[in-house]
């Protein structure tokens, strides 16, 4: 599932966390919610996989979230 599809499906709290902590590894509650709305899908366009400590998003996903946070039109993805 593409990020543009799941972004509006996660709760406002999760979206706010992703904006506030953009680029950081993802805590279990955020991963759980993303996996719940995507049906467990980990599209390589946004899912970078596990780092040394926790999962993280790709650089492209981080850029997309930054655009959203800045009130800009994010790239289609």
PDB file of N, CA and C in Angstrom:
ATOM      1  N   UNK A   1       0.840  -1.172   0.000  1.00  0.00           N
ATOM      2  CA  UNK A   1       0.000   0.000   0.000  1.00  0.00           C
ATOM      3  C   UNK A   1       0.896   1.250   0.000  1.00  0.00           C
ATOM      4  N   UNK A   2       0.563   2.181  -0.847  1.00  0.00           N
ATOM      5  CA  UNK A   2       1.336   3.415  -0.952  1.00  0.00           C
ATOM      6  C   UNK A   2       1.120   4.304   0.274  1.00  0.00           C
ATOM      7  N   UNK A   3       2.122   5.107   0.569  1.00  0.00           N
ATOM      8  CA  UNK A   3       2.065   6.006   1.721  1.00  0.00           C
ATOM      9  C   UNK A   3       0.898   6.988   1.613  1.00  0.00           C
ATOM     10  N   UNK A   4       0.626   7.467   0.410  1.00  0.00           N
ATOM     11  CA  UNK A   4      -0.477   8.409   0.226  1.00  0.00           C
ATOM     12  C   UNK A   4      -1.818   7.763   0.559  1.00  0.00           C
ATOM     13  N   UNK A   5      -1.877   6.448   0.486  1.00  0.00           N
ATOM     14  CA  UNK A   5      -3.106   5.728   0.821  1.00  0.00           C
ATOM     15  C   UNK A   5      -3.224   5.513   2.321  1.00  0.00           C
ATOM     16  N   UNK A   6      -2.128   5.088   2.970  1.00  0.00           N
ATOM     17  CA  UNK A   6      -2.257   4.774   4.403  1.00  0.00           C
ATOM     18  C   UNK A   6      -2.165   5.996   5.297  1.00  0.00           C
ATOM     19  N   UNK A   7      -1.520   7.068   4.841  1.00  0.00           N
ATOM     20  CA  UNK A   7      -1.348   8.258   5.689  1.00  0.00           C
ATOM     21  C   UNK A   7      -2.679   8.741   6.285  1.00  0.00           C
ATOM     22  N   UNK A   8      -3.740   8.938   5.491  1.00  0.00           N
ATOM     23  CA  UNK A   8      -4.991   9.415   6.098  1.00  0.00           C
ATOM     24  C   UNK A   8      -5.721   8.362   6.936  1.00  0.00           C
ATOM     25  N   UNK A   9      -5.296   7.105   6.839  1.00  0.00           N
ATOM     26  CA  UNK A   9      -5.961   6.038   7.581  1.00  0.00           C
ATOM     27  C   UNK A   9      -5.419   5.859   9.000  1.00  0.00           C
ATOM     28  N   UNK A  10      -4.183   6.298   9.240  1.00  0.00           N
ATOM     29  CA  UNK A  10      -3.663   6.221  10.611  1.00  0.00           C
ATOM     30  C   UNK A  10      -4.239   7.395  11.401  1.00  0.00           C
ATOM     31  N   UNK A  11      -4.265   7.253  12.704  1.00  0.00           N
ATOM     32  CA  UNK A  11      -4.836   8.279  13.550  1.00  0.00           C
ATOM     33  C   UNK A  11      -4.040   9.581  13.554  1.00  0.00           C
ATOM     34  N   UNK A  12      -4.702  10.627  13.953  1.00  0.00           N
ATOM     35  CA  UNK A  12      -4.067  11.944  14.021  1.00  0.00           C
ATOM     36  C   UNK A  12      -2.853  11.928  14.939  1.00  0.00           C
ATOM     37  N   UNK A  13      -2.925  11.162  16.025  1.00  0.00           N
ATOM     38  CA  UNK A  13      -1.795  11.060  16.955  1.00  0.00           C
ATOM     39  C   UNK A  13      -0.572  10.450  16.270  1.00  0.00           C
ATOM     40  N   UNK A  14      -0.788   9.422  15.483  1.00  0.00           N
ATOM     41  CA  UNK A  14       0.315   8.779  14.770  1.00  0.00           C
ATOM     42  C   UNK A  14       0.888   9.715  13.721  1.00  0.00           C
ATOM     43  N   UNK A  15       0.028  10.391  12.966  1.00  0.00           N
ATOM     44  CA  UNK A  15       0.521  11.360  11.977  1.00  0.00           C
ATOM     45  C   UNK A  15       1.321  12.458  12.656  1.00  0.00           C
ATOM     46  N   UNK A  16       0.821  12.958  13.788  1.00  0.00           N
ATOM     47  CA  UNK A  16       1.544  14.008  14.522  1.00  0.00           C
ATOM     48  C   UNK A  16       2.898  13.502  15.001  1.00  0.00           C
ATOM     49  N   UNK A  17       2.940  12.252  15.490  1.00  0.00           N
ATOM     50  CA  UNK A  17       4.222  11.692  15.944  1.00  0.00           C
ATOM     51  C   UNK A  17       5.192  11.601  14.770  1.00  0.00           C
ATOM     52  N   UNK A  18       4.710  11.108  13.634  1.00  0.00           N
ATOM     53  CA  UNK A  18       5.573  10.965  12.463  1.00  0.00           C
ATOM     54  C   UNK A  18       6.122  12.317  12.002  1.00  0.00           C
ATOM     55  N   UNK A  19       5.327  13.350  12.097  1.00  0.00           N
ATOM     56  CA  UNK A  19       5.790  14.691  11.726  1.00  0.00           C
ATOM     57  C   UNK A  19       6.797  15.202  12.743  1.00  0.00           C
ATOM     58  N   UNK A  20       6.467  15.088  14.012  1.00  0.00           N
ATOM     59  CA  UNK A  20       7.325  15.612  15.079  1.00  0.00           C
ATOM     60  C   UNK A  20       8.657  14.866  15.176  1.00  0.00           C
ATOM     61  N   UNK A  21       8.634  13.592  14.876  1.00  0.00           N
ATOM     62  CA  UNK A  21       9.833  12.756  15.021  1.00  0.00           C
ATOM     63  C   UNK A  21      10.324  12.249  13.667  1.00  0.00           C
ATOM     64  N   UNK A  22      10.082  13.039  12.630  1.00  0.00           N
ATOM     65  CA  UNK A  22      10.415  12.633  11.260  1.00  0.00           C
ATOM     66  C   UNK A  22      11.885  12.233  11.139  1.00  0.00           C
ATOM     67  N   UNK A  23      12.107  11.062  10.564  1.00  0.00           N
ATOM     68  CA  UNK A  23      13.457  10.555  10.371  1.00  0.00           C
ATOM     69  C   UNK A  23      13.950   9.662  11.488  1.00  0.00           C
ATOM     70  N   UNK A  24      13.229   9.628  12.611  1.00  0.00           N
ATOM     71  CA  UNK A  24      13.625   8.774  13.732  1.00  0.00           C
ATOM     72  C   UNK A  24      13.126   7.348  13.504  1.00  0.00           C
ATOM     73  N   UNK A  25      13.687   6.416  14.259  1.00  0.00           N
ATOM     74  CA  UNK A  25      13.174   5.051  14.206  1.00  0.00           C
ATOM     75  C   UNK A  25      11.762   5.046  14.776  1.00  0.00           C
ATOM     76  N   UNK A  26      10.985   4.064  14.365  1.00  0.00           N
ATOM     77  CA  UNK A  26       9.568   4.009  14.721  1.00  0.00           C
ATOM     78  C   UNK A  26       9.336   3.183  15.985  1.00  0.00           C
ATOM     79  N   UNK A  27       8.601   3.749  16.956  1.00  0.00           N
ATOM     80  CA  UNK A  27       8.279   2.973  18.151  1.00  0.00           C
ATOM     81  C   UNK A  27       7.196   1.936  17.847  1.00  0.00           C
ATOM     82  N   UNK A  28       7.118   0.890  18.653  1.00  0.00           N
ATOM     83  CA  UNK A  28       6.144  -0.180  18.407  1.00  0.00           C
ATOM     84  C   UNK A  28       4.702   0.286  18.180  1.00  0.00           C
ATOM     85  N   UNK A  29       4.156   1.249  18.943  1.00  0.00           N
ATOM     86  CA  UNK A  29       2.758   1.636  18.676  1.00  0.00           C
ATOM     87  C   UNK A  29       2.547   2.230  17.279  1.00  0.00           C
ATOM     88  N   UNK A  30       3.527   2.967  16.777  1.00  0.00           N
ATOM     89  CA  UNK A  30       3.420   3.549  15.436  1.00  0.00           C
ATOM     90  C   UNK A  30       3.500   2.448  14.386  1.00  0.00           C
ATOM     91  N   UNK A  31       4.437   1.527  14.552  1.00  0.00           N
ATOM     92  CA  UNK A  31       4.563   0.393  13.624  1.00  0.00           C
ATOM     93  C   UNK A  31       3.273  -0.415  13.625  1.00  0.00           C
ATOM     94  N   UNK A  32       2.727  -0.692  14.792  1.00  0.00           N
ATOM     95  CA  UNK A  32       1.496  -1.481  14.905  1.00  0.00           C
ATOM     96  C   UNK A  32       0.350  -0.824  14.156  1.00  0.00           C
ATOM     97  N   UNK A  33       0.200   0.486  14.300  1.00  0.00           N
ATOM     98  CA  UNK A  33      -0.899   1.170  13.616  1.00  0.00           C
ATOM     99  C   UNK A  33      -0.692   1.180  12.108  1.00  0.00           C
ATOM    100  N   UNK A  34       0.527   1.447  11.656  1.00  0.00           N
ATOM    101  CA  UNK A  34       0.791   1.431  10.216  1.00  0.00           C
ATOM    102  C   UNK A  34       0.518   0.044   9.653  1.00  0.00           C
ATOM    103  N   UNK A  35       0.991  -0.991  10.337  1.00  0.00           N
ATOM    104  CA  UNK A  35       0.784  -2.354   9.857  1.00  0.00           C
ATOM    105  C   UNK A  35      -0.702  -2.716   9.858  1.00  0.00           C
ATOM    106  N   UNK A  36      -1.456  -2.206  10.821  1.00  0.00           N
ATOM    107  CA  UNK A  36      -2.887  -2.501  10.881  1.00  0.00           C
ATOM    108  C   UNK A  36      -3.626  -1.911   9.682  1.00  0.00           C
ATOM    109  N   UNK A  37      -3.303  -0.677   9.309  1.00  0.00           N
ATOM    110  CA  UNK A  37      -4.027  -0.051   8.191  1.00  0.00           C
ATOM    111  C   UNK A  37      -3.523  -0.522   6.835  1.00  0.00           C
ATOM    112  N   UNK A  38      -2.287  -1.013   6.775  1.00  0.00           N
ATOM    113  CA  UNK A  38      -1.743  -1.487   5.495  1.00  0.00           C
ATOM    114  C   UNK A  38      -1.914  -2.987   5.313  1.00  0.00           C
ATOM    115  N   UNK A  39      -2.476  -3.648   6.307  1.00  0.00           N
ATOM    116  CA  UNK A  39      -2.609  -5.100   6.222  1.00  0.00           C
ATOM    117  C   UNK A  39      -1.265  -5.807   6.292  1.00  0.00           C
ATOM    118  N   UNK A  40      -0.283  -5.134   6.910  1.00  0.00           N
ATOM    119  CA  UNK A  40       1.041  -5.713   7.062  1.00  0.00           C
ATOM    120  C   UNK A  40       1.980  -5.430   5.902  1.00  0.00           C
ATOM    121  N   UNK A  41       1.517  -4.651   4.940  1.00  0.00           N
ATOM    122  CA  UNK A  41       2.332  -4.321   3.776  1.00  0.00           C
ATOM    123  C   UNK A  41       3.505  -3.427   4.167  1.00  0.00           C
ATOM    124  N   UNK A  42       4.660  -3.708   3.612  1.00  0.00           N
ATOM    125  CA  UNK A  42       5.842  -2.873   3.822  1.00  0.00           C
ATOM    126  C   UNK A  42       6.400  -2.509   2.454  1.00  0.00           C
ATOM    127  N   UNK A  43       5.768  -1.554   1.813  1.00  0.00           N
ATOM    128  CA  UNK A  43       6.181  -1.105   0.484  1.00  0.00           C
ATOM    129  C   UNK A  43       7.586  -0.530   0.569  1.00  0.00           C
ATOM    130  N   UNK A  44       8.511  -0.990  -0.257  1.00  0.00           N
ATOM    131  CA  UNK A  44       9.890  -0.496  -0.190  1.00  0.00           C
ATOM    132  C   UNK A  44      10.034   0.983  -0.530  1.00  0.00           C
ATOM    133  N   UNK A  45       8.984   1.613  -1.075  1.00  0.00           N
ATOM    134  CA  UNK A  45       9.045   3.053  -1.317  1.00  0.00           C
ATOM    135  C   UNK A  45       9.037   3.841  -0.010  1.00  0.00           C
ATOM    136  N   UNK A  46       8.440   3.273   1.048  1.00  0.00           N
ATOM    137  CA  UNK A  46       8.401   3.999   2.318  1.00  0.00           C
ATOM    138  C   UNK A  46       8.977   3.201   3.480  1.00  0.00           C
ATOM    139  N   UNK A  47       9.093   1.903   3.369  1.00  0.00           N
ATOM    140  CA  UNK A  47       9.567   1.068   4.477  1.00  0.00           C
ATOM    141  C   UNK A  47      11.022   0.695   4.270  1.00  0.00           C
ATOM    142  N   UNK A  48      11.915   1.270   5.082  1.00  0.00           N
ATOM    143  CA  UNK A  48      13.340   0.961   4.962  1.00  0.00           C
ATOM    144  C   UNK A  48      13.703  -0.298   5.729  1.00  0.00           C
ATOM    145  N   UNK A  49      12.811  -0.760   6.591  1.00  0.00           N
ATOM    146  CA  UNK A  49      13.076  -1.975   7.355  1.00  0.00           C
ATOM    147  C   UNK A  49      13.721  -1.677   8.687  1.00  0.00           C
ATOM    148  N   UNK A  50      14.289  -2.702   9.252  1.00  0.00           N
ATOM    149  CA  UNK A  50      14.870  -2.613  10.587  1.00  0.00           C
ATOM    150  C   UNK A  50      16.236  -1.938  10.563  1.00  0.00           C
ATOM    151  N   UNK A  51      16.440  -1.028  11.495  1.00  0.00           N
ATOM    152  CA  UNK A  51      17.781  -0.496  11.722  1.00  0.00           C
ATOM    153  C   UNK A  51      18.339  -1.278  12.903  1.00  0.00           C
ATOM    154  N   UNK A  52      19.400  -0.805  13.488  1.00  0.00           N
ATOM    155  CA  UNK A  52      20.005  -1.515  14.616  1.00  0.00           C
ATOM    156  C   UNK A  52      19.039  -1.644  15.786  1.00  0.00           C
ATOM    157  N   UNK A  53      18.152  -0.653  15.972  1.00  0.00           N
ATOM    158  CA  UNK A  53      17.276  -0.692  17.143  1.00  0.00           C
ATOM    159  C   UNK A  53      15.794  -0.871  16.811  1.00  0.00           C
ATOM    160  N   UNK A  54      15.288  -0.205  15.778  1.00  0.00           N
ATOM    161  CA  UNK A  54      13.861  -0.316  15.436  1.00  0.00           C
ATOM    162  C   UNK A  54      13.676  -0.037  13.947  1.00  0.00           C
ATOM    163  N   UNK A  55      12.458  -0.300  13.437  1.00  0.00           N
ATOM    164  CA  UNK A  55      12.183  -0.011  12.028  1.00  0.00           C
ATOM    165  C   UNK A  55      12.270   1.479  11.729  1.00  0.00           C
ATOM    166  N   UNK A  56      12.489   1.781  10.454  1.00  0.00           N
ATOM    167  CA  UNK A  56      12.518   3.181  10.033  1.00  0.00           C
ATOM    168  C   UNK A  56      11.941   3.313   8.629  1.00  0.00           C
ATOM    169  N   UNK A  57      11.618   4.542   8.272  1.00  0.00           N
ATOM    170  CA  UNK A  57      11.092   4.847   6.952  1.00  0.00           C
ATOM    171  C   UNK A  57      12.230   5.219   6.007  1.00  0.00           C
ATOM    172  N   UNK A  58      11.971   5.143   4.715  1.00  0.00           N
ATOM    173  CA  UNK A  58      12.979   5.501   3.715  1.00  0.00           C
ATOM    174  C   UNK A  58      13.196   7.020   3.703  1.00  0.00           C
ATOM    175  N   UNK A  59      14.280   7.433   3.068  1.00  0.00           N
ATOM    176  CA  UNK A  59      14.544   8.864   2.904  1.00  0.00           C
ATOM    177  C   UNK A  59      13.417   9.534   2.121  1.00  0.00           C
ATOM    178  N   UNK A  60      12.878   8.832   1.127  1.00  0.00           N
ATOM    179  CA  UNK A  60      11.765   9.380   0.350  1.00  0.00           C
ATOM    180  C   UNK A  60      10.532   9.605   1.206  1.00  0.00           C
ATOM    181  N   UNK A  61      10.252   8.682   2.120  1.00  0.00           N
ATOM    182  CA  UNK A  61       9.109   8.840   3.020  1.00  0.00           C
ATOM    183  C   UNK A  61       9.342   9.994   3.983  1.00  0.00           C
ATOM    184  N   UNK A  62      10.566  10.127   4.461  1.00  0.00           N
ATOM    185  CA  UNK A  62      10.909  11.234   5.365  1.00  0.00           C
ATOM    186  C   UNK A  62      10.710  12.566   4.638  1.00  0.00           C
ATOM    187  N   UNK A  63      11.140  12.639   3.387  1.00  0.00           N
ATOM    188  CA  UNK A  63      10.948  13.858   2.590  1.00  0.00           C
ATOM    189  C   UNK A  63       9.469  14.147   2.375  1.00  0.00           C
ATOM    190  N   UNK A  64       8.684  13.109   2.128  1.00  0.00           N
ATOM    191  CA  UNK A  64       7.245  13.252   1.929  1.00  0.00           C
ATOM    192  C   UNK A  64       6.593  13.827   3.180  1.00  0.00           C
ATOM    193  N   UNK A  65       6.943  13.267   4.348  1.00  0.00           N
ATOM    194  CA  UNK A  65       6.382  13.754   5.613  1.00  0.00           C
ATOM    195  C   UNK A  65       6.804  15.202   5.865  1.00  0.00           C
ATOM    196  N   UNK A  66       8.032  15.523   5.553  1.00  0.00           N
ATOM    197  CA  UNK A  66       8.514  16.902   5.726  1.00  0.00           C
ATOM    198  C   UNK A  66       7.698  17.872   4.875  1.00  0.00           C
ATOM    199  N   UNK A  67       7.382  17.489   3.641  1.00  0.00           N
ATOM    200  CA  UNK A  67       6.570  18.335   2.777  1.00  0.00           C
ATOM    201  C   UNK A  67       5.186  18.548   3.395  1.00  0.00           C
ATOM    202  N   UNK A  68       4.586  17.475   3.894  1.00  0.00           N
ATOM    203  CA  UNK A  68       3.281  17.581   4.556  1.00  0.00           C
ATOM    204  C   UNK A  68       3.371  18.519   5.753  1.00  0.00           C
ATOM    205  N   UNK A  69       4.412  18.344   6.564  1.00  0.00           N
ATOM    206  CA  UNK A  69       4.593  19.172   7.767  1.00  0.00           C
ATOM    207  C   UNK A  69       4.759  20.643   7.427  1.00  0.00           C
ATOM    208  N   UNK A  70       5.372  20.919   6.273  1.00  0.00           N
ATOM    209  CA  UNK A  70       5.599  22.304   5.861  1.00  0.00           C
ATOM    210  C   UNK A  70       4.434  22.889   5.075  1.00  0.00           C
ATOM    211  N   UNK A  71       3.348  22.129   4.971  1.00  0.00           N
ATOM    212  CA  UNK A  71       2.191  22.618   4.243  1.00  0.00           C
ATOM    213  C   UNK A  71       2.405  22.660   2.746  1.00  0.00           C
ATOM    214  N   UNK A  72       3.383  21.901   2.253  1.00  0.00           N
ATOM    215  CA  UNK A  72       3.668  21.843   0.823  1.00  0.00           C
ATOM    216  C   UNK A  72       2.947  20.649   0.212  1.00  0.00           C
ATOM    217  N   UNK A  73       2.847  20.649  -1.086  1.00  0.00           N
ATOM    218  CA  UNK A  73       2.272  19.513  -1.785  1.00  0.00           C
ATOM    219  C   UNK A  73       3.320  18.412  -1.829  1.00  0.00           C
ATOM    220  N   UNK A  74       3.090  17.289  -1.132  1.00  0.00           N
ATOM    221  CA  UNK A  74       4.092  16.221  -1.149  1.00  0.00           C
ATOM    222  C   UNK A  74       4.148  15.555  -2.509  1.00  0.00           C
ATOM    223  N   UNK A  75       5.300  14.972  -2.837  1.00  0.00           N
ATOM    224  CA  UNK A  75       5.380  14.243  -4.107  1.00  0.00           C
ATOM    225  C   UNK A  75       4.414  13.071  -4.108  1.00  0.00           C
ATOM    226  N   UNK A  76       3.905  12.743  -5.246  1.00  0.00           N
ATOM    227  CA  UNK A  76       2.996  11.599  -5.360  1.00  0.00           C
ATOM    228  C   UNK A  76       3.796  10.338  -5.103  1.00  0.00           C
ATOM    229  N   UNK A  77       3.269   9.490  -4.250  1.00  0.00           N
ATOM    230  CA  UNK A  77       3.997   8.268  -3.955  1.00  0.00           C
ATOM    231  C   UNK A  77       3.161   7.274  -3.236  1.00  0.00           C
TER     232      UNK A  77
END
